[in-house]
C-alpha atoms as a PDB file:
ATOM      1  CA  MET A   1     -28.894 -41.135  65.974  1.00  0.00           C
ATOM      2  CA  ALA A   2     -29.502 -42.325  62.452  1.00  0.00           C
ATOM      3  CA  SER A   3     -28.325 -40.040  59.673  1.00  0.00           C
ATOM      4  CA  HIS A   4     -30.425 -39.340  56.599  1.00  0.00           C
ATOM      5  CA  ALA A   5     -28.945 -39.189  53.116  1.00  0.00           C
ATOM      6  CA  SER A   6     -29.089 -35.765  51.513  1.00  0.00           C
ATOM      7  CA  PRO A   7     -31.538 -35.438  48.549  1.00  0.00           C
ATOM      8  CA  VAL A   8     -28.730 -33.634  46.668  1.00  0.00           C
ATOM      9  CA  ASP A   9     -25.270 -35.115  46.111  1.00  0.00           C
ATOM     10  CA  ALA A  10     -21.970 -33.258  45.990  1.00  0.00           C
ATOM     11  CA  GLY A  11     -22.379 -32.674  42.257  1.00  0.00           C
ATOM     12  CA  GLY A  12     -25.734 -30.964  42.674  1.00  0.00           C
ATOM     13  CA  ARG A  13     -27.720 -33.942  41.397  1.00  0.00           C
ATOM     14  CA  HIS A  14     -31.095 -34.813  42.895  1.00  0.00           C
ATOM     15  CA  ARG A  15     -32.405 -38.128  44.139  1.00  0.00           C
ATOM     16  CA  SER A  16     -35.652 -39.437  42.694  1.00  0.00           C
ATOM     17  CA  GLY A  17     -37.681 -38.603  45.804  1.00  0.00           C
ATOM     18  CA  ALA A  18     -36.599 -34.962  45.674  1.00  0.00           C
ATOM     19  CA  VAL A  19     -37.352 -34.771  41.947  1.00  0.00           C
ATOM     20  CA  ALA A  20     -40.815 -36.264  42.487  1.00  0.00           C
ATOM     21  CA  ARG A  21     -41.554 -33.657  45.171  1.00  0.00           C
ATOM     22  CA  MET A  22     -40.399 -30.801  42.922  1.00  0.00           C
ATOM     23  CA  LEU A  23     -42.594 -32.089  40.116  1.00  0.00           C
ATOM     24  CA  ARG A  24     -45.527 -32.771  42.470  1.00  0.00           C
ATOM     25  CA  MET A  25     -45.895 -36.350  41.266  1.00  0.00           C
ATOM     26  CA  PRO A  26     -45.674 -39.765  42.955  1.00  0.00           C
ATOM     27  CA  VAL A  27     -42.242 -41.379  43.030  1.00  0.00           C
ATOM     28  CA  ALA A  28     -43.887 -44.521  41.649  1.00  0.00           C
ATOM     29  CA  THR A  29     -45.037 -42.629  38.544  1.00  0.00           C
ATOM     30  CA  LEU A  30     -41.560 -41.248  37.987  1.00  0.00           C
ATOM     31  CA  ARG A  31     -40.114 -44.741  38.238  1.00  0.00           C
ATOM     32  CA  VAL A  32     -42.673 -46.150  35.810  1.00  0.00           C
ATOM     33  CA  TRP A  33     -41.880 -43.392  33.320  1.00  0.00           C
ATOM     34  CA  GLU A  34     -38.176 -44.111  33.584  1.00  0.00           C
ATOM     35  CA  ARG A  35     -38.543 -47.889  33.356  1.00  0.00           C
ATOM     36  CA  ARG A  36     -41.022 -47.876  30.494  1.00  0.00           C
ATOM     37  CA  TYR A  37     -39.820 -44.922  28.420  1.00  0.00           C
ATOM     38  CA  GLY A  38     -36.219 -44.217  29.492  1.00  0.00           C
ATOM     39  CA  LEU A  39     -36.891 -40.490  29.628  1.00  0.00           C
ATOM     40  CA  THR A  40     -33.488 -39.457  30.996  1.00  0.00           C
ATOM     41  CA  GLN A  41     -30.096 -40.992  31.635  1.00  0.00           C
ATOM     42  CA  PRO A  42     -29.603 -40.328  35.354  1.00  0.00           C
ATOM     43  CA  ALA A  43     -26.350 -41.190  37.103  1.00  0.00           C
ATOM     44  CA  LEU A  44     -26.309 -43.790  39.869  1.00  0.00           C
ATOM     45  CA  SER A  45     -25.115 -43.260  43.411  1.00  0.00           C
ATOM     46  CA  PRO A  46     -22.781 -45.854  45.044  1.00  0.00           C
ATOM     47  CA  SER A  47     -25.889 -47.390  46.582  1.00  0.00           C
ATOM     48  CA  GLY A  48     -27.642 -47.634  43.206  1.00  0.00           C
ATOM     49  CA  GLN A  49     -30.051 -44.669  43.544  1.00  0.00           C
ATOM     50  CA  ARG A  50     -30.808 -42.573  40.493  1.00  0.00           C
ATOM     51  CA  LEU A  51     -29.314 -39.069  40.537  1.00  0.00           C
ATOM     52  CA  TYR A  52     -30.876 -36.452  38.255  1.00  0.00           C
ATOM     53  CA  SER A  53     -29.033 -33.425  36.873  1.00  0.00           C
ATOM     54  CA  ALA A  54     -30.597 -29.985  36.477  1.00  0.00           C
ATOM     55  CA  ASP A  55     -31.131 -30.725  32.761  1.00  0.00           C
ATOM     56  CA  ASP A  56     -32.886 -33.985  33.670  1.00  0.00           C
ATOM     57  CA  VAL A  57     -35.191 -32.123  36.036  1.00  0.00           C
ATOM     58  CA  ARG A  58     -36.005 -29.476  33.418  1.00  0.00           C
ATOM     59  CA  ARG A  59     -36.915 -32.160  30.886  1.00  0.00           C
ATOM     60  CA  LEU A  60     -39.069 -34.058  33.378  1.00  0.00           C
ATOM     61  CA  ALA A  61     -40.783 -30.838  34.498  1.00  0.00           C
ATOM     62  CA  LEU A  62     -41.757 -30.020  30.922  1.00  0.00           C
ATOM     63  CA  LEU A  63     -42.945 -33.582  30.331  1.00  0.00           C
ATOM     64  CA  LYS A  64     -45.074 -33.409  33.480  1.00  0.00           C
ATOM     65  CA  GLN A  65     -46.638 -30.131  32.349  1.00  0.00           C
ATOM     66  CA  LEU A  66     -47.464 -31.468  28.902  1.00  0.00           C
ATOM     67  CA  VAL A  67     -48.932 -34.694  30.283  1.00  0.00           C
ATOM     68  CA  ASP A  68     -51.066 -32.693  32.736  1.00  0.00           C
ATOM     69  CA  ALA A  69     -52.235 -30.623  29.757  1.00  0.00           C
ATOM     70  CA  GLY A  70     -53.507 -33.765  28.023  1.00  0.00           C
ATOM     71  CA  HIS A  71     -50.577 -34.986  25.910  1.00  0.00           C
ATOM     72  CA  ALA A  72     -49.742 -38.703  25.975  1.00  0.00           C
ATOM     73  CA  ILE A  73     -46.447 -39.578  27.643  1.00  0.00           C
ATOM     74  CA  GLY A  74     -45.832 -42.261  25.015  1.00  0.00           C
ATOM     75  CA  SER A  75     -45.886 -39.691  22.215  1.00  0.00           C
ATOM     76  CA  LEU A  76     -43.682 -37.243  24.126  1.00  0.00           C
ATOM     77  CA  ALA A  77     -41.033 -39.677  25.342  1.00  0.00           C
ATOM     78  CA  PRO A  78     -39.065 -39.933  22.043  1.00  0.00           C
ATOM     79  CA  LEU A  79     -38.800 -36.131  21.664  1.00  0.00           C
ATOM     80  CA  ASP A  80     -35.693 -34.201  22.584  1.00  0.00           C
ATOM     81  CA  MET A  81     -35.820 -31.003  24.645  1.00  0.00           C
ATOM     82  CA  ALA A  82     -36.057 -28.700  21.636  1.00  0.00           C
ATOM     83  CA  GLN A  83     -38.963 -30.707  20.242  1.00  0.00           C
ATOM     84  CA  LEU A  84     -40.714 -30.720  23.625  1.00  0.00           C
ATOM     85  CA  GLN A  85     -40.344 -26.951  23.826  1.00  0.00           C
ATOM     86  CA  GLN A  86     -41.929 -26.661  20.388  1.00  0.00           C
ATOM     87  CA  VAL A  87     -44.889 -28.763  21.566  1.00  0.00           C
ATOM     88  CA  ALA A  88     -45.177 -26.517  24.619  1.00  0.00           C
ATOM     89  CA  ALA A  89     -45.006 -23.371  22.488  1.00  0.00           C
ATOM     90  CA  THR A  90     -47.754 -24.670  20.171  1.00  0.00           C
ATOM     91  CA  HIS A  91     -49.909 -25.625  23.145  1.00  0.00           C
ATOM     92  CA  ALA A  92     -49.319 -22.246  24.792  1.00  0.00           C
ATOM     93  CA  SER A  93     -50.346 -20.436  21.601  1.00  0.00           C
ATOM     94  CA  ALA A  94     -53.590 -22.399  21.540  1.00  0.00           C
ATOM     95  CA  LEU A  95     -54.286 -21.566  25.183  1.00  0.00           C
ATOM     96  CA  ALA A  96     -53.614 -17.923  24.569  1.00  0.00           C
ATOM     97  CA  ALA A  97     -56.505 -17.866  22.104  1.00  0.00           C
ATOM     98  CA  ARG A  98     -59.008 -18.884  24.764  1.00  0.00           C
ATOM     99  CA  PRO A  99     -61.517 -16.235  25.920  1.00  0.00           C
ATOM    100  CA  ILE A 100     -60.295 -14.153  28.852  1.00  0.00           C
ATOM    101  CA  ALA A 101     -62.658 -14.077  31.814  1.00  0.00           C
ATOM    102  CA  LEU A 102     -62.812 -10.840  33.779  1.00  0.00           C
ATOM    103  CA  GLN A 103     -61.720 -11.133  37.368  1.00  0.00           C
ATOM    104  CA  PRO A 104     -64.272  -9.793  39.892  1.00  0.00           C
ATOM    105  CA  GLY A 105     -63.169  -6.804  41.894  1.00  0.00           C
ATOM    106  CA  PRO A 106     -63.056  -3.019  41.962  1.00  0.00           C
ATOM    107  CA  LEU A 107     -61.212  -2.632  38.659  1.00  0.00           C
ATOM    108  CA  ALA A 108     -63.809  -4.621  36.726  1.00  0.00           C
ATOM    109  CA  ALA A 109     -66.568  -2.695  38.473  1.00  0.00           C
ATOM    110  CA  ALA A 110     -64.897   0.626  37.754  1.00  0.00           C
ATOM    111  CA  ALA A 111     -64.676   0.119  33.978  1.00  0.00           C
ATOM    112  CA  PRO A 112     -67.205  -2.492  32.844  1.00  0.00           C
ATOM    113  CA  VAL A 113     -67.486  -1.141  29.310  1.00  0.00           C
ATOM    114  CA  ALA A 114     -63.742  -0.994  28.714  1.00  0.00           C
ATOM    115  CA  ASN A 115     -63.100  -4.478  30.073  1.00  0.00           C
ATOM    116  CA  ALA A 116     -66.000  -6.289  28.467  1.00  0.00           C
ATOM    117  CA  ALA A 117     -65.203  -7.833  25.091  1.00  0.00           C
ATOM    118  CA  ARG A 118     -67.940  -6.996  22.619  1.00  0.00           C
ATOM    119  CA  VAL A 119     -69.678 -10.017  21.154  1.00  0.00           C
ATOM    120  CA  LEU A 120     -69.004 -10.241  17.431  1.00  0.00           C
ATOM    121  CA  ARG A 121     -71.981 -11.249  15.293  1.00  0.00           C
ATOM    122  CA  VAL A 122     -70.907 -13.213  12.217  1.00  0.00           C
ATOM    123  CA  GLN A 123     -73.170 -14.670   9.534  1.00  0.00           C
ATOM    124  CA  VAL A 124     -72.147 -18.147   8.378  1.00  0.00           C
ATOM    125  CA  VAL A 125     -72.799 -19.340   4.829  1.00  0.00           C
ATOM    126  CA  GLY A 126     -72.574 -23.128   4.769  1.00  0.00           C
ATOM    127  CA  GLY A 127     -74.372 -25.641   6.974  1.00  0.00           C
ATOM    128  CA  ALA A 128     -71.389 -27.949   7.515  1.00  0.00           C
ATOM    129  CA  LEU A 129     -69.175 -25.041   8.571  1.00  0.00           C
ATOM    130  CA  PHE A 130     -71.866 -23.749  10.926  1.00  0.00           C
ATOM    131  CA  GLN A 131     -72.023 -27.123  12.675  1.00  0.00           C
ATOM    132  CA  ARG A 132     -68.246 -27.286  12.951  1.00  0.00           C
ATOM    133  CA  LEU A 133     -68.129 -23.868  14.600  1.00  0.00           C
ATOM    134  CA  GLN A 134     -70.350 -25.089  17.451  1.00  0.00           C
ATOM    135  CA  GLN A 135     -67.587 -27.274  18.884  1.00  0.00           C
ATOM    136  CA  PRO A 136     -66.699 -25.992  22.385  1.00  0.00           C
ATOM    137  CA  ALA A 137     -62.994 -26.707  21.912  1.00  0.00           C
ATOM    138  CA  LEU A 138     -62.900 -24.618  18.737  1.00  0.00           C
ATOM    139  CA  GLN A 139     -64.872 -21.779  20.321  1.00  0.00           C
ATOM    140  CA  ARG A 140     -62.480 -21.647  23.287  1.00  0.00           C
ATOM    141  CA  ARG A 141     -59.576 -20.960  20.938  1.00  0.00           C
ATOM    142  CA  LEU A 142     -61.120 -17.859  19.379  1.00  0.00           C
ATOM    143  CA  GLY A 143     -60.000 -15.467  22.104  1.00  0.00           C
ATOM    144  CA  ARG A 144     -63.256 -13.466  22.189  1.00  0.00           C
ATOM    145  CA  PRO A 145     -67.010 -14.139  22.258  1.00  0.00           C
ATOM    146  CA  VAL A 146     -68.513 -14.705  18.809  1.00  0.00           C
ATOM    147  CA  GLN A 147     -72.172 -15.279  17.927  1.00  0.00           C
ATOM    148  CA  TRP A 148     -72.548 -17.332  14.766  1.00  0.00           C
ATOM    149  CA  LEU A 149     -75.697 -16.453  12.833  1.00  0.00           C
ATOM    150  CA  GLY A 150     -77.284 -18.845  10.360  1.00  0.00           C
ATOM    151  CA  PRO A 151     -76.571 -21.079   8.642  1.00  0.00           C
ATOM    152  CA  PHE A 152     -77.355 -19.501   5.295  1.00  0.00           C
ATOM    153  CA  ASP A 153     -77.392 -21.241   1.928  1.00  0.00           C
ATOM    154  CA  ASP A 154     -75.695 -18.405   0.066  1.00  0.00           C
ATOM    155  CA  LEU A 155     -74.576 -14.800   0.398  1.00  0.00           C
ATOM    156  CA  ALA A 156     -77.838 -13.434  -0.994  1.00  0.00           C
ATOM    157  CA  GLN A 157     -79.800 -15.174   1.755  1.00  0.00           C
ATOM    158  CA  ALA A 158     -77.407 -13.787   4.360  1.00  0.00           C
ATOM    159  CA  ASP A 159     -77.776 -10.252   2.972  1.00  0.00           C
ATOM    160  CA  ALA A 160     -81.565 -10.563   3.054  1.00  0.00           C
ATOM    161  CA  ASP A 161     -81.425 -11.471   6.742  1.00  0.00           C
ATOM    162  CA  ARG A 162     -79.315  -8.490   7.807  1.00  0.00           C
ATOM    163  CA  PRO A 163     -82.251  -6.105   8.522  1.00  0.00           C
ATOM    164  CA  ARG A 164     -83.598  -8.684  10.975  1.00  0.00           C
ATOM    165  CA  GLN A 165     -80.247  -9.622  12.545  1.00  0.00           C
ATOM    166  CA  PRO A 166     -77.509  -7.007  12.148  1.00  0.00           C
ATOM    167  CA  ALA A 167     -74.085  -8.591  11.720  1.00  0.00           C
ATOM    168  CA  ASP A 168     -70.486  -7.419  11.806  1.00  0.00           C
ATOM    169  CA  ALA A 169     -69.178  -9.728   9.080  1.00  0.00           C
ATOM    170  CA  VAL A 170     -69.812 -12.839   7.023  1.00  0.00           C
ATOM    171  CA  LEU A 171     -67.920 -16.146   6.986  1.00  0.00           C
ATOM    172  CA  MET A 172     -68.435 -18.311   3.899  1.00  0.00           C
ATOM    173  CA  GLN A 173     -67.536 -21.826   2.849  1.00  0.00           C
ATOM    174  CA  GLN A 174     -67.235 -22.198  -0.914  1.00  0.00           C
ATOM    175  CA  PRO A 175     -65.839 -25.496  -2.214  1.00  0.00           C
ATOM    176  CA  ARG A 176     -65.112 -23.976  -5.650  1.00  0.00           C
ATOM    177  CA  LEU A 177     -64.364 -20.463  -6.838  1.00  0.00           C
ATOM    178  CA  HIS A 178     -64.685 -19.949 -10.576  1.00  0.00           C
ATOM    179  CA  ALA A 179     -63.010 -17.374 -12.760  1.00  0.00           C
ATOM    180  CA  ASP A 180     -66.257 -15.453 -13.246  1.00  0.00           C
ATOM    181  CA  ALA A 181     -66.941 -15.297  -9.523  1.00  0.00           C
ATOM    182  CA  ALA A 182     -66.236 -11.765  -8.331  1.00  0.00           C
ATOM    183  CA  PRO A 183     -66.417 -10.464  -4.763  1.00  0.00           C
ATOM    184  CA  SER A 184     -70.031  -9.460  -4.233  1.00  0.00           C
ATOM    185  CA  THR A 185     -70.008  -7.970  -0.745  1.00  0.00           C
ATOM    186  CA  THR A 186     -68.499  -4.841   0.740  1.00  0.00           C
ATOM    187  CA  ARG A 187     -68.798  -6.204   4.279  1.00  0.00           C
ATOM    188  CA  PRO A 188     -65.867  -7.734   6.185  1.00  0.00           C
ATOM    189  CA  CYS A 189     -65.644 -11.228   4.775  1.00  0.00           C
ATOM    190  CA  ALA A 190     -63.685 -14.442   5.338  1.00  0.00           C
ATOM    191  CA  LEU A 191     -63.766 -17.319   2.890  1.00  0.00           C
ATOM    192  CA  LEU A 192     -62.928 -21.015   3.185  1.00  0.00           C
ATOM    193  CA  TYR A 193     -62.429 -22.672  -0.197  1.00  0.00           C
ATOM    194  CA  ARG A 194     -60.957 -25.831  -1.705  1.00  0.00           C
ATOM    195  CA  PHE A 195     -60.334 -25.097  -5.388  1.00  0.00           C
ATOM    196  CA  ALA A 196     -59.719 -21.791  -7.133  1.00  0.00           C
ATOM    197  CA  ALA A 197     -57.478 -20.234  -9.732  1.00  0.00           C
ATOM    198  CA  GLU A 198     -54.830 -17.950  -8.310  1.00  0.00           C
ATOM    199  CA  THR A 199     -56.318 -14.965 -10.164  1.00  0.00           C
ATOM    200  CA  THR A 200     -59.733 -15.619  -8.605  1.00  0.00           C
ATOM    201  CA  ALA A 201     -58.294 -15.948  -5.109  1.00  0.00           C
ATOM    202  CA  ALA A 202     -56.296 -12.763  -5.703  1.00  0.00           C
ATOM    203  CA  ALA A 203     -59.470 -10.894  -6.668  1.00  0.00           C
ATOM    204  CA  TRP A 204     -61.084 -11.798  -3.356  1.00  0.00           C
ATOM    205  CA  ALA A 205     -57.931 -10.937  -1.432  1.00  0.00           C
ATOM    206  CA  ASP A 206     -57.651  -7.565  -3.194  1.00  0.00           C
ATOM    207  CA  ALA A 207     -61.248  -6.882  -2.160  1.00  0.00           C
ATOM    208  CA  GLY A 208     -60.239  -7.345   1.483  1.00  0.00           C
ATOM    209  CA  ALA A 209     -61.456 -10.913   2.052  1.00  0.00           C
ATOM    210  CA  TRP A 210     -59.543 -13.282   4.322  1.00  0.00           C
ATOM    211  CA  LEU A 211     -58.845 -16.589   2.557  1.00  0.00           C
ATOM    212  CA  LEU A 212     -58.034 -20.055   3.829  1.00  0.00           C
ATOM    213  CA  ARG A 213     -57.717 -23.106   1.600  1.00  0.00           C
ATOM    214  CA  GLU A 214     -59.303 -26.289   2.972  1.00  0.00           C
ATOM    215  CA  PRO A 215     -58.968 -28.853   4.391  1.00  0.00           C
ATOM    216  CA  GLN A 216     -57.512 -27.601   7.681  1.00  0.00           C
ATOM    217  CA  SER A 217     -57.501 -28.975  11.201  1.00  0.00           C
ATOM    218  CA  ASP A 218     -59.674 -27.421  13.907  1.00  0.00           C
ATOM    219  CA  THR A 219     -56.555 -25.908  15.480  1.00  0.00           C
ATOM    220  CA  VAL A 220     -55.494 -24.124  12.294  1.00  0.00           C
ATOM    221  CA  LEU A 221     -59.069 -23.026  11.565  1.00  0.00           C
ATOM    222  CA  ALA A 222     -59.449 -21.613  15.084  1.00  0.00           C
ATOM    223  CA  GLN A 223     -56.148 -19.710  14.916  1.00  0.00           C
ATOM    224  CA  TRP A 224     -57.109 -18.239  11.537  1.00  0.00           C
ATOM    225  CA  LEU A 225     -60.561 -17.265  12.813  1.00  0.00           C
ATOM    226  CA  ALA A 226     -59.070 -15.752  15.973  1.00  0.00           C
ATOM    227  CA  ALA A 227     -56.815 -13.519  13.858  1.00  0.00           C
ATOM    228  CA  TRP A 228     -59.719 -12.524  11.599  1.00  0.00           C
ATOM    229  CA  CYS A 229     -62.024 -11.789  14.539  1.00  0.00           C
ATOM    230  CA  GLY A 230     -59.250  -9.736  16.097  1.00  0.00           C
ATOM    231  CA  SER A 231     -59.024  -7.660  12.923  1.00  0.00           C
ATOM    232  CA  LEU A 232     -62.783  -7.004  13.086  1.00  0.00           C
ATOM    233  CA  ALA A 233     -62.378  -5.527  16.555  1.00  0.00           C
ATOM    234  CA  GLY A 234     -59.889  -2.968  15.204  1.00  0.00           C
ATOM    235  CA  PRO A 235     -56.106  -2.753  15.340  1.00  0.00           C
ATOM    236  CA  ALA A 236     -54.310  -3.072  18.634  1.00  0.00           C
ATOM    237  CA  PRO A 237     -52.922   0.191  20.038  1.00  0.00           C
ATOM    238  CA  SER A 238     -49.391   0.950  18.927  1.00  0.00           C
ATOM    239  CA  ALA A 239     -46.522   0.817  21.379  1.00  0.00           C
ATOM    240  CA  ALA A 240     -46.230   4.592  21.159  1.00  0.00           C
ATOM    241  CA  ALA A 241     -49.897   5.048  22.012  1.00  0.00           C
ATOM    242  CA  VAL A 242     -49.696   2.725  24.991  1.00  0.00           C
ATOM    243  CA  ALA A 243     -46.504   4.301  26.294  1.00  0.00           C
ATOM    244  CA  GLY A 244     -47.203   7.922  25.533  1.00  0.00           C
ATOM    245  CA  GLY A 245     -50.266   8.853  27.567  1.00  0.00           C
ATOM    246  CA  TRP A 246     -50.668   9.361  31.304  1.00  0.00           C
ATOM    247  CA  ASP A 247     -54.415   9.301  30.805  1.00  0.00           C
ATOM    248  CA  ASP A 248     -54.497   6.923  27.844  1.00  0.00           C
ATOM    249  CA  PRO A 249     -57.874   5.079  27.912  1.00  0.00           C
ATOM    250  CA  ALA A 250     -56.456   2.224  25.811  1.00  0.00           C
ATOM    251  CA  ALA A 251     -54.132   1.294  28.663  1.00  0.00           C
ATOM    252  CA  ALA A 252     -57.014   0.137  30.868  1.00  0.00           C
ATOM    253  CA  ALA A 253     -58.962  -1.604  28.109  1.00  0.00           C
ATOM    254  CA  THR A 254     -57.357  -5.024  28.505  1.00  0.00           C
ATOM    255  CA  PRO A 255     -58.382  -7.215  31.466  1.00  0.00           C
ATOM    256  CA  ARG A 256     -55.976  -9.445  33.359  1.00  0.00           C
ATOM    257  CA  ARG A 257     -54.946 -12.567  31.500  1.00  0.00           C
ATOM    258  CA  TRP A 258     -54.287 -14.586  34.658  1.00  0.00           C
ATOM    259  CA  ASP A 259     -55.589 -14.427  38.227  1.00  0.00           C
ATOM    260  CA  ASP A 260     -53.417 -14.729  41.340  1.00  0.00           C
ATOM    261  CA  GLU A 261     -53.957 -18.470  41.685  1.00  0.00           C
ATOM    262  CA  ALA A 262     -52.744 -19.198  38.149  1.00  0.00           C
ATOM    263  CA  LEU A 263     -49.755 -16.879  38.552  1.00  0.00           C
ATOM    264  CA  ALA A 264     -48.793 -18.411  41.895  1.00  0.00           C
ATOM    265  CA  GLU A 265     -48.888 -21.895  40.385  1.00  0.00           C
ATOM    266  CA  PHE A 266     -46.745 -20.720  37.485  1.00  0.00           C
ATOM    267  CA  ALA A 267     -44.282 -19.042  39.873  1.00  0.00           C
ATOM    268  CA  GLY A 268     -43.862 -22.369  41.636  1.00  0.00           C
ATOM    269  CA  LEU A 269     -42.475 -23.895  38.459  1.00  0.00           C
ATOM    270  CA  SER A 270     -39.249 -21.956  39.027  1.00  0.00           C
ATOM    271  CA  THR A 271     -38.330 -24.410  41.782  1.00  0.00           C
ATOM    272  CA  THR A 272     -37.748 -27.027  39.092  1.00  0.00           C
ATOM    273  CA  ILE A 273     -35.591 -24.966  36.720  1.00  0.00           C
ATOM    274  CA  ALA A 274     -32.376 -22.995  37.013  1.00  0.00           C
ATOM    275  CA  CYS A 275     -33.820 -19.656  35.851  1.00  0.00           C
ATOM    276  CA  GLU A 276     -35.838 -17.710  38.435  1.00  0.00           C
ATOM    277  CA  CYS A 277     -37.224 -15.205  35.904  1.00  0.00           C
ATOM    278  CA  PRO A 278     -40.630 -16.925  35.537  1.00  0.00           C
ATOM    279  CA  ARG A 279     -41.213 -16.586  39.276  1.00  0.00           C
ATOM    280  CA  HIS A 280     -40.025 -12.969  39.393  1.00  0.00           C
ATOM    281  CA  VAL A 281     -42.183 -11.900  36.453  1.00  0.00           C
ATOM    282  CA  ALA A 282     -45.251 -13.714  37.813  1.00  0.00           C
ATOM    283  CA  GLU A 283     -44.815 -12.046  41.210  1.00  0.00           C
ATOM    284  CA  LEU A 284     -44.403  -8.616  39.588  1.00  0.00           C
ATOM    285  CA  LEU A 285     -47.602  -9.240  37.637  1.00  0.00           C
ATOM    286  CA  MET A 286     -49.513  -9.972  40.835  1.00  0.00           C
ATOM    287  CA  GLN A 287     -48.219  -6.762  42.433  1.00  0.00           C
ATOM    288  CA  LEU A 288     -49.048  -4.645  39.387  1.00  0.00           C
ATOM    289  CA  SER A 289     -52.543  -6.132  39.153  1.00  0.00           C
ATOM    290  CA  HIS A 290     -53.256  -5.367  42.798  1.00  0.00           C
ATOM    291  CA  PHE A 291     -51.915  -1.828  42.462  1.00  0.00           C
ATOM    292  CA  GLU A 292     -54.102  -1.383  39.371  1.00  0.00           C
ATOM    293  CA  ALA A 293     -57.153  -2.440  41.383  1.00  0.00           C
ATOM    294  CA  TYR A 294     -56.094  -0.296  44.368  1.00  0.00           C
ATOM    295  CA  SER A 295     -55.780   2.781  42.144  1.00  0.00           C
ATOM    296  CA  ALA A 296     -59.264   2.114  40.773  1.00  0.00           C
ATOM    297  CA  GLU A 297     -60.637   2.100  44.321  1.00  0.00           C
ATOM    298  CA  CYS A 298     -58.912   5.387  45.122  1.00  0.00           C
ATOM    299  CA  GLU A 299     -60.142   6.895  41.869  1.00  0.00           C
ATOM    300  CA  HIS A 300     -63.737   6.537  43.040  1.00  0.00           C
ATOM    301  CA  ARG A 301     -63.081   7.295  46.685  1.00  0.00           C
ATOM    302  CA  SER A 302     -61.813  10.850  46.425  1.00  0.00           C
ATOM    303  CA  PRO A 303     -63.068  13.277  43.758  1.00  0.00           C
ATOM    304  CA  GLU A 304     -60.104  15.575  44.457  1.00  0.00           C
ATOM    305  CA  ASP A 305     -57.588  12.856  43.561  1.00  0.00           C
ATOM    306  CA  ALA A 306     -59.612  11.123  40.855  1.00  0.00           C
ATOM    307  CA  GLU A 307     -57.431  12.343  37.990  1.00  0.00           C
ATOM    308  CA  LEU A 308     -54.227  11.305  39.747  1.00  0.00           C
ATOM    309  CA  HIS A 309     -55.453   7.798  40.528  1.00  0.00           C
ATOM    310  CA  ARG A 310     -57.015   7.353  37.099  1.00  0.00           C
ATOM    311  CA  GLY A 311     -53.621   8.077  35.611  1.00  0.00           C
ATOM    312  CA  LEU A 312     -51.928   5.683  38.032  1.00  0.00           C
ATOM    313  CA  ARG A 313     -54.428   2.959  37.139  1.00  0.00           C
ATOM    314  CA  HIS A 314     -53.803   3.454  33.429  1.00  0.00           C
ATOM    315  CA  MET A 315     -50.039   3.362  33.864  1.00  0.00           C
ATOM    316  CA  ALA A 316     -50.299   0.233  36.033  1.00  0.00           C
ATOM    317  CA  ALA A 317     -52.492  -1.384  33.374  1.00  0.00           C
ATOM    318  CA  THR A 318     -49.897  -0.526  30.714  1.00  0.00           C
ATOM    319  CA  ALA A 319     -47.094  -2.054  32.772  1.00  0.00           C
ATOM    320  CA  ARG A 320     -49.196  -5.094  33.621  1.00  0.00           C
ATOM    321  CA  ALA A 321     -50.009  -5.736  29.944  1.00  0.00           C
ATOM    322  CA  ARG A 322     -46.320  -5.480  29.056  1.00  0.00           C
ATOM    323  CA  PHE A 323     -45.294  -7.854  31.814  1.00  0.00           C
ATOM    324  CA  GLU A 324     -47.966 -10.300  30.654  1.00  0.00           C
ATOM    325  CA  ALA A 325     -46.221 -10.246  27.270  1.00  0.00           C
ATOM    326  CA  ALA A 326     -42.896 -10.652  29.077  1.00  0.00           C
ATOM    327  CA  LEU A 327     -44.205 -13.681  30.965  1.00  0.00           C
ATOM    328  CA  GLU A 328     -45.291 -15.273  27.700  1.00  0.00           C
ATOM    329  CA  HIS A 329     -41.822 -14.630  26.225  1.00  0.00           C
ATOM    330  CA  VAL A 330     -40.050 -16.069  29.283  1.00  0.00           C
ATOM    331  CA  ALA A 331     -42.320 -19.120  29.289  1.00  0.00           C
ATOM    332  CA  ARG A 332     -41.554 -19.858  25.658  1.00  0.00           C
ATOM    333  CA  HIS A 333     -37.825 -19.407  26.256  1.00  0.00           C
ATOM    334  CA  GLU A 334     -37.830 -21.787  29.229  1.00  0.00           C
ATOM    335  CA  GLY A 335     -40.178 -24.287  27.578  1.00  0.00           C
ATOM    336  CA  LEU A 336     -42.931 -23.782  30.158  1.00  0.00           C
ATOM    337  CA  LEU A 337     -46.668 -23.827  29.569  1.00  0.00           C
ATOM    338  CA  LEU A 338     -48.462 -20.601  30.323  1.00  0.00           C
ATOM    339  CA  PRO A 339     -51.304 -20.651  32.842  1.00  0.00           C
ATOM    340  CA  PRO A 340     -54.674 -21.365  31.174  1.00  0.00           C
END
């Protein structure tokens, strides 16, 4: 009977076929990457086969994730592991700003008002800025639905339109701010500008305006807008508020960030790295999310136990939100991309 070589040698190193299976990629692609870019320095077996260490596999796993996310292998190949993890962290931050879609099911049905993100209505002063805001990629990074109203030529025109179209705030693009220009609106306001004296910018900031000096990339603009829009929705609940109440309504106000399919895919990444924490946290998140939904069902099934199950649902939601934050922390530590 013919014997088959083990995919792992005595030193715990993996053959290329085993690495390709762990990374869910063709062996041919792995070989092309190695030949063209020299991504790792694998050892060679006596028969000449490449043998990859655990560090090699971690690096290749992160490269595969980043390439699947749209990054070019040629631009990633020269980076060391720390630099790759920084790219992954930046990419993950951008993904985290994407709008969160509610998952269908009893929990969403039980609390549609709490789970639905209110659409912000923002007036836009500046035609060029208004056109830029229509880009789908930029809108996806905002983290919540926003309706841009306009464009308006100036703030006076925007103010005149408010009785017809009520708005939460105004976003303005002003190439130049002069010394005699004083803040002229009491509404929440954000301002993009190119040139201004520090005293003028300070006057706007003291009046509560959010400022960003141009030019900026779409990524930076979207992150800044996401933070501003988040401030318009009100401050996030404090840790004490989230932890302190059995029947705290804020605990159930945040929908799931990831569905089971995304979490299961993320959990599978642990087969390519030494640390099993990503898999454990992802699996705990799935269990908490299902218990949250189960408690919501029970809450509406039995009037006698409604208060008990409402409290259980809120506590499960609190724990689930915290473990979502934990998953993000673990992913950044391990250099893994979060699920979209």
